[in-house]
Amino acid sequence: MSREQEAEAFVLGLMDDTEASRAEAALATDPEWARAVGQARDRFLPLDMTAVPAPVPADLWERIAPELQMAKPKAANLPSAPRLRRLLPASIAAAIALAVGIGIGSQTLRPEPVVIAVLMDDSGAARAVVEDYGSESARVRFVSDVAVPDGQQMQVWTLPSPERGPVSLGLLKEDRAEHLSPPELPTPADGQLYEITLEPLGGSPTGRPTGPILAKGFAARQNDI
C-alpha cells in the first residue's frame, strides 16, 4: 500500500485502533506523512460537503468487502460502525462510494486512474469527478444535478499544457456517468486543469471552450506512474 493509500485509509477511518494511534502520532513528527494526510482530506472535502448524513448499518463491512475483493479482517482489527460514524458523520456515503467505485486501497484487477479531479462550480459546490486513465480513456461522474438548457450540451475539457491549450475530452448528453474517448495526449499530470462548459449541440464550433464554465478543478495524481 502506498503512502497516499495509507493516508486515505487513515482519513476514512479504516485503520484499526493501533494503526490509527500510530498514524495520529506521526502527524507531529513526519512532515511528509502530515502532507499526505492533508492532501487526502482535501481530496475528500468536496464530496464530504455534498453528502447527506446517514447512519452506518451494522453490516457495512460485509457489503463493502466483496466489492473490494478483500478477505474480511479479524474482528479485533475491524473498524466498528460507531467508530466509522464518529470519523465520517457526513461523508460516509460519498467516501465509501468513492472508495468502492474508484478502488482506493483495493487490490482489484480494474485499471486505476492516473489522476482524479473534483470539479466545482463558482460557489464551491462539487459537481463532477473526472477520472483520467491516460491512453485515450477517461470517465466523468456527477455528484450533483446539472441543468442543461435546450439546444445546448456539456463538453469536458482539459489543459495538458499552456502551449497546446484546452483540449476536448468529449461531449455529454446529460449529467450521468459517461466514458470518454479523448484524443492522444501526454500522461495526465498532477495539478492539470479539467472543466465542463456549456456549448451548442455538437460541441464548441471553434475547438476551444466558448460557453460558460459549469465546473472546474485541478487533478490529483493517484500513483507514481
C-alpha atoms as a PDB file:
ATOM      1  CA  MET A   1       0.000   0.000   0.000  1.00  0.00           C
ATOM      2  CA  SER A   2       1.407   3.398  -0.986  1.00  0.00           C
ATOM      3  CA  ARG A   3       1.701   6.317   1.437  1.00  0.00           C
ATOM      4  CA  GLU A   4      -1.204   8.032  -0.354  1.00  0.00           C
ATOM      5  CA  GLN A   5      -3.398   4.954   0.138  1.00  0.00           C
ATOM      6  CA  GLU A   6      -2.399   4.750   3.815  1.00  0.00           C
ATOM      7  CA  ALA A   7      -3.337   8.405   4.237  1.00  0.00           C
ATOM      8  CA  GLU A   8      -6.707   7.765   2.593  1.00  0.00           C
ATOM      9  CA  ALA A   9      -7.309   4.770   4.877  1.00  0.00           C
ATOM     10  CA  PHE A  10      -6.485   6.956   7.893  1.00  0.00           C
ATOM     11  CA  VAL A  11      -8.797   9.762   6.746  1.00  0.00           C
ATOM     12  CA  LEU A  12     -11.619   7.294   6.013  1.00  0.00           C
ATOM     13  CA  GLY A  13     -11.220   5.655   9.431  1.00  0.00           C
ATOM     14  CA  LEU A  14     -10.354   2.243   8.003  1.00  0.00           C
ATOM     15  CA  MET A  15      -7.310   1.654  10.228  1.00  0.00           C
ATOM     16  CA  ASP A  16      -7.557  -0.354  13.425  1.00  0.00           C
ATOM     17  CA  ASP A  17      -7.037   1.472  16.720  1.00  0.00           C
ATOM     18  CA  THR A  18      -3.317   0.661  16.933  1.00  0.00           C
ATOM     19  CA  GLU A  19      -2.606   1.787  13.371  1.00  0.00           C
ATOM     20  CA  ALA A  20      -4.737   4.906  13.795  1.00  0.00           C
ATOM     21  CA  SER A  21      -2.943   5.885  17.007  1.00  0.00           C
ATOM     22  CA  ARG A  22       0.443   5.425  15.331  1.00  0.00           C
ATOM     23  CA  ALA A  23      -0.689   7.438  12.314  1.00  0.00           C
ATOM     24  CA  GLU A  24      -2.071  10.205  14.534  1.00  0.00           C
ATOM     25  CA  ALA A  25       1.198  10.479  16.472  1.00  0.00           C
ATOM     26  CA  ALA A  26       3.217  10.596  13.244  1.00  0.00           C
ATOM     27  CA  LEU A  27       1.421  13.775  12.166  1.00  0.00           C
ATOM     28  CA  ALA A  28       3.546  15.761  14.612  1.00  0.00           C
ATOM     29  CA  THR A  29       6.897  14.191  13.670  1.00  0.00           C
ATOM     30  CA  ASP A  30       6.693  13.272   9.975  1.00  0.00           C
ATOM     31  CA  PRO A  31       6.089  16.271   7.670  1.00  0.00           C
ATOM     32  CA  GLU A  32       5.683  14.083   4.573  1.00  0.00           C
ATOM     33  CA  TRP A  33       3.030  11.984   6.318  1.00  0.00           C
ATOM     34  CA  ALA A  34       1.232  15.119   7.527  1.00  0.00           C
ATOM     35  CA  ARG A  35       1.279  16.457   3.972  1.00  0.00           C
ATOM     36  CA  ALA A  36      -0.144  13.177   2.589  1.00  0.00           C
ATOM     37  CA  VAL A  37      -2.950  13.223   5.167  1.00  0.00           C
ATOM     38  CA  GLY A  38      -3.715  16.863   4.390  1.00  0.00           C
ATOM     39  CA  GLN A  39      -3.893  16.123   0.671  1.00  0.00           C
ATOM     40  CA  ALA A  40      -6.202  13.137   1.309  1.00  0.00           C
ATOM     41  CA  ARG A  41      -8.505  15.310   3.418  1.00  0.00           C
ATOM     42  CA  ASP A  42      -8.551  17.946   0.676  1.00  0.00           C
ATOM     43  CA  ARG A  43      -9.495  15.326  -1.933  1.00  0.00           C
ATOM     44  CA  PHE A  44     -12.446  14.090   0.128  1.00  0.00           C
ATOM     45  CA  LEU A  45     -13.638  17.505   1.321  1.00  0.00           C
ATOM     46  CA  PRO A  46     -15.735  18.433  -1.761  1.00  0.00           C
ATOM     47  CA  LEU A  47     -17.586  15.118  -1.636  1.00  0.00           C
ATOM     48  CA  ASP A  48     -17.936  15.387   2.121  1.00  0.00           C
ATOM     49  CA  MET A  49     -19.687  18.727   1.714  1.00  0.00           C
ATOM     50  CA  THR A  50     -22.220  17.261  -0.735  1.00  0.00           C
ATOM     51  CA  ALA A  51     -23.100  14.150   1.273  1.00  0.00           C
ATOM     52  CA  VAL A  52     -26.227  13.797   3.368  1.00  0.00           C
ATOM     53  CA  PRO A  53     -25.586  12.423   6.894  1.00  0.00           C
ATOM     54  CA  ALA A  54     -26.662   8.811   7.170  1.00  0.00           C
ATOM     55  CA  PRO A  55     -26.461   6.118   9.867  1.00  0.00           C
ATOM     56  CA  VAL A  56     -23.904   3.383   9.319  1.00  0.00           C
ATOM     57  CA  PRO A  57     -25.503  -0.095   9.115  1.00  0.00           C
ATOM     58  CA  ALA A  58     -24.030  -2.905  11.194  1.00  0.00           C
ATOM     59  CA  ASP A  59     -23.324  -4.985   8.081  1.00  0.00           C
ATOM     60  CA  LEU A  60     -21.353  -2.200   6.365  1.00  0.00           C
ATOM     61  CA  TRP A  61     -18.083  -4.131   6.032  1.00  0.00           C
ATOM     62  CA  GLU A  62     -19.825  -7.298   4.812  1.00  0.00           C
ATOM     63  CA  ARG A  63     -21.352  -5.271   1.971  1.00  0.00           C
ATOM     64  CA  ILE A  64     -18.105  -3.498   1.049  1.00  0.00           C
ATOM     65  CA  ALA A  65     -15.630  -6.389   1.289  1.00  0.00           C
ATOM     66  CA  PRO A  66     -16.908  -8.321  -1.773  1.00  0.00           C
ATOM     67  CA  GLU A  67     -16.592  -5.186  -3.895  1.00  0.00           C
ATOM     68  CA  LEU A  68     -13.013  -4.689  -2.792  1.00  0.00           C
ATOM     69  CA  GLN A  69     -12.200  -8.378  -3.337  1.00  0.00           C
ATOM     70  CA  MET A  70     -10.695  -8.488   0.126  1.00  0.00           C
ATOM     71  CA  ALA A  71     -10.944 -11.066   2.861  1.00  0.00           C
ATOM     72  CA  LYS A  72     -12.761  -9.845   5.928  1.00  0.00           C
ATOM     73  CA  PRO A  73     -10.270  -8.706   8.606  1.00  0.00           C
ATOM     74  CA  LYS A  74     -10.226 -10.297  12.023  1.00  0.00           C
ATOM     75  CA  ALA A  75     -12.819  -8.899  14.362  1.00  0.00           C
ATOM     76  CA  ALA A  76     -10.148  -7.262  16.518  1.00  0.00           C
ATOM     77  CA  ASN A  77      -8.910  -5.238  13.539  1.00  0.00           C
ATOM     78  CA  LEU A  78     -12.282  -4.365  12.035  1.00  0.00           C
ATOM     79  CA  PRO A  79     -13.251  -0.682  12.382  1.00  0.00           C
ATOM     80  CA  SER A  80     -16.571  -0.658  14.181  1.00  0.00           C
ATOM     81  CA  ALA A  81     -19.645   1.091  12.835  1.00  0.00           C
ATOM     82  CA  PRO A  82     -19.658   3.594  15.732  1.00  0.00           C
ATOM     83  CA  ARG A  83     -16.010   4.476  15.017  1.00  0.00           C
ATOM     84  CA  LEU A  84     -16.711   4.972  11.324  1.00  0.00           C
ATOM     85  CA  ARG A  85     -19.744   7.060  12.177  1.00  0.00           C
ATOM     86  CA  ARG A  86     -17.700   9.211  14.548  1.00  0.00           C
ATOM     87  CA  LEU A  87     -14.953   9.789  11.988  1.00  0.00           C
ATOM     88  CA  LEU A  88     -17.176  10.308   8.950  1.00  0.00           C
ATOM     89  CA  PRO A  89     -20.602  11.555  10.047  1.00  0.00           C
ATOM     90  CA  ALA A  90     -21.339  13.463   6.850  1.00  0.00           C
ATOM     91  CA  SER A  91     -19.127  11.869   4.244  1.00  0.00           C
ATOM     92  CA  ILE A  92     -19.666   8.153   4.836  1.00  0.00           C
ATOM     93  CA  ALA A  93     -21.975   7.710   1.840  1.00  0.00           C
ATOM     94  CA  ALA A  94     -19.815   9.672  -0.588  1.00  0.00           C
ATOM     95  CA  ALA A  95     -16.443   8.491   0.690  1.00  0.00           C
ATOM     96  CA  ILE A  96     -17.351   4.809   0.778  1.00  0.00           C
ATOM     97  CA  ALA A  97     -18.933   5.085  -2.666  1.00  0.00           C
ATOM     98  CA  LEU A  98     -15.746   6.704  -3.909  1.00  0.00           C
ATOM     99  CA  ALA A  99     -13.597   4.024  -2.279  1.00  0.00           C
ATOM    100  CA  VAL A 100     -15.624   1.241  -3.875  1.00  0.00           C
ATOM    101  CA  GLY A 101     -16.082   2.890  -7.249  1.00  0.00           C
ATOM    102  CA  ILE A 102     -12.537   4.098  -7.749  1.00  0.00           C
ATOM    103  CA  GLY A 103     -10.760   1.345  -5.841  1.00  0.00           C
ATOM    104  CA  ILE A 104      -8.934   3.259  -3.126  1.00  0.00           C
ATOM    105  CA  GLY A 105      -6.803   0.847  -1.157  1.00  0.00           C
ATOM    106  CA  SER A 106      -8.218  -2.120  -3.036  1.00  0.00           C
ATOM    107  CA  GLN A 107      -6.423  -4.885  -4.853  1.00  0.00           C
ATOM    108  CA  THR A 108      -8.665  -5.248  -7.899  1.00  0.00           C
ATOM    109  CA  LEU A 109      -7.950  -6.039 -11.497  1.00  0.00           C
ATOM    110  CA  ARG A 110      -9.561  -2.864 -12.756  1.00  0.00           C
ATOM    111  CA  PRO A 111      -7.193  -0.170 -14.039  1.00  0.00           C
ATOM    112  CA  GLU A 112      -6.685   2.761 -11.721  1.00  0.00           C
ATOM    113  CA  PRO A 113      -6.926   6.360 -12.963  1.00  0.00           C
ATOM    114  CA  VAL A 114      -3.687   8.269 -13.354  1.00  0.00           C
ATOM    115  CA  VAL A 115      -5.338  11.412 -11.955  1.00  0.00           C
ATOM    116  CA  ILE A 116      -8.676  12.327 -10.383  1.00  0.00           C
ATOM    117  CA  ALA A 117     -10.132  15.833 -10.483  1.00  0.00           C
ATOM    118  CA  VAL A 118     -13.094  17.035  -8.425  1.00  0.00           C
ATOM    119  CA  LEU A 119     -14.853  19.751 -10.433  1.00  0.00           C
ATOM    120  CA  MET A 120     -16.634  22.517  -8.525  1.00  0.00           C
ATOM    121  CA  ASP A 121     -18.821  25.434  -9.551  1.00  0.00           C
ATOM    122  CA  ASP A 122     -18.297  29.108  -8.665  1.00  0.00           C
ATOM    123  CA  SER A 123     -19.982  28.630  -5.285  1.00  0.00           C
ATOM    124  CA  GLY A 124     -17.554  25.848  -4.324  1.00  0.00           C
ATOM    125  CA  ALA A 125     -20.102  23.035  -4.650  1.00  0.00           C
ATOM    126  CA  ALA A 126     -18.811  19.775  -6.115  1.00  0.00           C
ATOM    127  CA  ARG A 127     -20.462  18.944  -9.440  1.00  0.00           C
ATOM    128  CA  ALA A 128     -18.484  16.136 -11.034  1.00  0.00           C
ATOM    129  CA  VAL A 129     -15.467  13.864 -10.719  1.00  0.00           C
ATOM    130  CA  VAL A 130     -13.203  13.204 -13.696  1.00  0.00           C
ATOM    131  CA  GLU A 131     -11.052  10.073 -13.688  1.00  0.00           C
ATOM    132  CA  ASP A 132      -8.371  10.250 -16.376  1.00  0.00           C
ATOM    133  CA  TYR A 133      -6.708   6.922 -17.147  1.00  0.00           C
ATOM    134  CA  GLY A 134      -4.452   8.247 -19.901  1.00  0.00           C
ATOM    135  CA  SER A 135      -4.129   6.074 -23.024  1.00  0.00           C
ATOM    136  CA  GLU A 136      -7.149   7.813 -24.579  1.00  0.00           C
ATOM    137  CA  SER A 137      -9.531   6.818 -21.778  1.00  0.00           C
ATOM    138  CA  ALA A 138     -11.371   8.945 -19.214  1.00  0.00           C
ATOM    139  CA  ARG A 139     -14.592   8.882 -17.213  1.00  0.00           C
ATOM    140  CA  VAL A 140     -16.788  11.596 -15.733  1.00  0.00           C
ATOM    141  CA  ARG A 141     -19.300  11.097 -12.910  1.00  0.00           C
ATOM    142  CA  PHE A 142     -21.660  13.689 -11.487  1.00  0.00           C
ATOM    143  CA  VAL A 143     -22.175  14.158  -7.753  1.00  0.00           C
ATOM    144  CA  SER A 144     -24.980  16.720  -8.092  1.00  0.00           C
ATOM    145  CA  ASP A 145     -27.602  17.616 -10.676  1.00  0.00           C
ATOM    146  CA  VAL A 146     -26.659  19.965 -13.504  1.00  0.00           C
ATOM    147  CA  ALA A 147     -29.332  21.742 -15.547  1.00  0.00           C
ATOM    148  CA  VAL A 148     -28.607  21.864 -19.288  1.00  0.00           C
ATOM    149  CA  PRO A 149     -30.759  24.290 -21.342  1.00  0.00           C
ATOM    150  CA  ASP A 150     -32.442  23.132 -24.540  1.00  0.00           C
ATOM    151  CA  GLY A 151     -30.229  23.460 -27.581  1.00  0.00           C
ATOM    152  CA  GLN A 152     -27.014  23.053 -25.592  1.00  0.00           C
ATOM    153  CA  GLN A 153     -24.898  20.242 -24.187  1.00  0.00           C
ATOM    154  CA  MET A 154     -21.939  19.827 -21.900  1.00  0.00           C
ATOM    155  CA  GLN A 155     -18.363  19.424 -23.079  1.00  0.00           C
ATOM    156  CA  VAL A 156     -15.428  18.224 -20.967  1.00  0.00           C
ATOM    157  CA  TRP A 157     -12.022  19.872 -21.380  1.00  0.00           C
ATOM    158  CA  THR A 158      -8.520  19.565 -20.042  1.00  0.00           C
ATOM    159  CA  LEU A 159      -5.398  21.697 -20.308  1.00  0.00           C
ATOM    160  CA  PRO A 160      -2.414  19.393 -20.925  1.00  0.00           C
ATOM    161  CA  SER A 161      -0.128  22.414 -21.363  1.00  0.00           C
ATOM    162  CA  PRO A 162      -0.447  26.189 -21.880  1.00  0.00           C
ATOM    163  CA  GLU A 163       1.293  25.813 -25.235  1.00  0.00           C
ATOM    164  CA  ARG A 164      -1.253  23.319 -26.570  1.00  0.00           C
ATOM    165  CA  GLY A 165      -4.250  24.989 -24.991  1.00  0.00           C
ATOM    166  CA  PRO A 166      -7.542  23.377 -23.920  1.00  0.00           C
ATOM    167  CA  VAL A 167      -8.411  20.024 -25.491  1.00  0.00           C
ATOM    168  CA  SER A 168     -11.876  18.450 -25.600  1.00  0.00           C
ATOM    169  CA  LEU A 169     -12.257  15.098 -23.860  1.00  0.00           C
ATOM    170  CA  GLY A 170     -15.774  14.607 -25.198  1.00  0.00           C
ATOM    171  CA  LEU A 171     -19.415  15.662 -25.199  1.00  0.00           C
ATOM    172  CA  LEU A 172     -22.035  14.766 -22.593  1.00  0.00           C
ATOM    173  CA  LYS A 173     -25.703  14.206 -23.301  1.00  0.00           C
ATOM    174  CA  GLU A 174     -26.796  14.613 -19.676  1.00  0.00           C
ATOM    175  CA  ASP A 175     -25.471  14.644 -16.115  1.00  0.00           C
ATOM    176  CA  ARG A 176     -24.799  10.951 -15.742  1.00  0.00           C
ATOM    177  CA  ALA A 177     -21.659   8.820 -15.692  1.00  0.00           C
ATOM    178  CA  GLU A 178     -20.034   8.702 -19.111  1.00  0.00           C
ATOM    179  CA  HIS A 179     -16.909   7.085 -20.530  1.00  0.00           C
ATOM    180  CA  LEU A 180     -14.927   9.444 -22.713  1.00  0.00           C
ATOM    181  CA  SER A 181     -12.516   8.755 -25.566  1.00  0.00           C
ATOM    182  CA  PRO A 182     -10.225  11.771 -25.733  1.00  0.00           C
ATOM    183  CA  PRO A 183      -7.522  12.234 -28.375  1.00  0.00           C
ATOM    184  CA  GLU A 184      -3.982  11.061 -27.715  1.00  0.00           C
ATOM    185  CA  LEU A 185      -2.474  13.306 -25.055  1.00  0.00           C
ATOM    186  CA  PRO A 186       0.555  13.315 -22.740  1.00  0.00           C
ATOM    187  CA  THR A 187       0.175  11.398 -19.473  1.00  0.00           C
ATOM    188  CA  PRO A 188      -2.119  13.433 -17.185  1.00  0.00           C
ATOM    189  CA  ALA A 189      -0.170  15.461 -14.636  1.00  0.00           C
ATOM    190  CA  ASP A 190      -0.742  16.431 -11.031  1.00  0.00           C
ATOM    191  CA  GLY A 191      -2.456  19.835 -10.958  1.00  0.00           C
ATOM    192  CA  GLN A 192      -3.759  19.566 -14.522  1.00  0.00           C
ATOM    193  CA  LEU A 193      -6.898  21.626 -15.146  1.00  0.00           C
ATOM    194  CA  TYR A 194     -10.227  19.997 -16.061  1.00  0.00           C
ATOM    195  CA  GLU A 195     -13.515  21.771 -16.701  1.00  0.00           C
ATOM    196  CA  ILE A 196     -17.011  21.348 -18.089  1.00  0.00           C
ATOM    197  CA  THR A 197     -18.621  24.052 -20.226  1.00  0.00           C
ATOM    198  CA  LEU A 198     -21.993  24.587 -21.870  1.00  0.00           C
ATOM    199  CA  GLU A 199     -21.678  24.503 -25.657  1.00  0.00           C
ATOM    200  CA  PRO A 200     -24.021  24.380 -28.675  1.00  0.00           C
ATOM    201  CA  LEU A 201     -25.308  20.975 -29.751  1.00  0.00           C
ATOM    202  CA  GLY A 202     -22.455  19.157 -31.426  1.00  0.00           C
ATOM    203  CA  GLY A 203     -19.832  20.887 -29.330  1.00  0.00           C
ATOM    204  CA  SER A 204     -17.780  24.058 -29.497  1.00  0.00           C
ATOM    205  CA  PRO A 205     -17.640  25.457 -33.055  1.00  0.00           C
ATOM    206  CA  THR A 206     -14.070  26.697 -32.514  1.00  0.00           C
ATOM    207  CA  GLY A 207     -12.450  23.683 -30.874  1.00  0.00           C
ATOM    208  CA  ARG A 208     -11.939  25.776 -27.743  1.00  0.00           C
ATOM    209  CA  PRO A 209     -14.322  26.459 -24.828  1.00  0.00           C
ATOM    210  CA  THR A 210     -16.821  29.142 -25.773  1.00  0.00           C
ATOM    211  CA  GLY A 211     -19.682  28.730 -23.284  1.00  0.00           C
ATOM    212  CA  PRO A 212     -19.978  29.365 -19.563  1.00  0.00           C
ATOM    213  CA  ILE A 213     -17.949  27.135 -17.237  1.00  0.00           C
ATOM    214  CA  LEU A 214     -20.215  24.855 -15.212  1.00  0.00           C
ATOM    215  CA  ALA A 215     -17.450  23.358 -13.073  1.00  0.00           C
ATOM    216  CA  LYS A 216     -13.681  23.137 -12.966  1.00  0.00           C
ATOM    217  CA  GLY A 217     -10.949  21.617 -10.822  1.00  0.00           C
ATOM    218  CA  PHE A 218      -7.339  20.512 -10.691  1.00  0.00           C
ATOM    219  CA  ALA A 219      -6.178  16.906 -10.870  1.00  0.00           C
ATOM    220  CA  ALA A 220      -4.569  14.941  -8.059  1.00  0.00           C
ATOM    221  CA  ARG A 221      -2.136  12.236  -9.177  1.00  0.00           C
ATOM    222  CA  GLN A 222      -3.079   8.842  -7.760  1.00  0.00           C
ATOM    223  CA  ASN A 223       0.069   6.765  -8.111  1.00  0.00           C
ATOM    224  CA  ASP A 224       3.724   7.103  -9.047  1.00  0.00           C
ATOM    225  CA  ILE A 225       3.135   6.064 -12.659  1.00  0.00           C
END
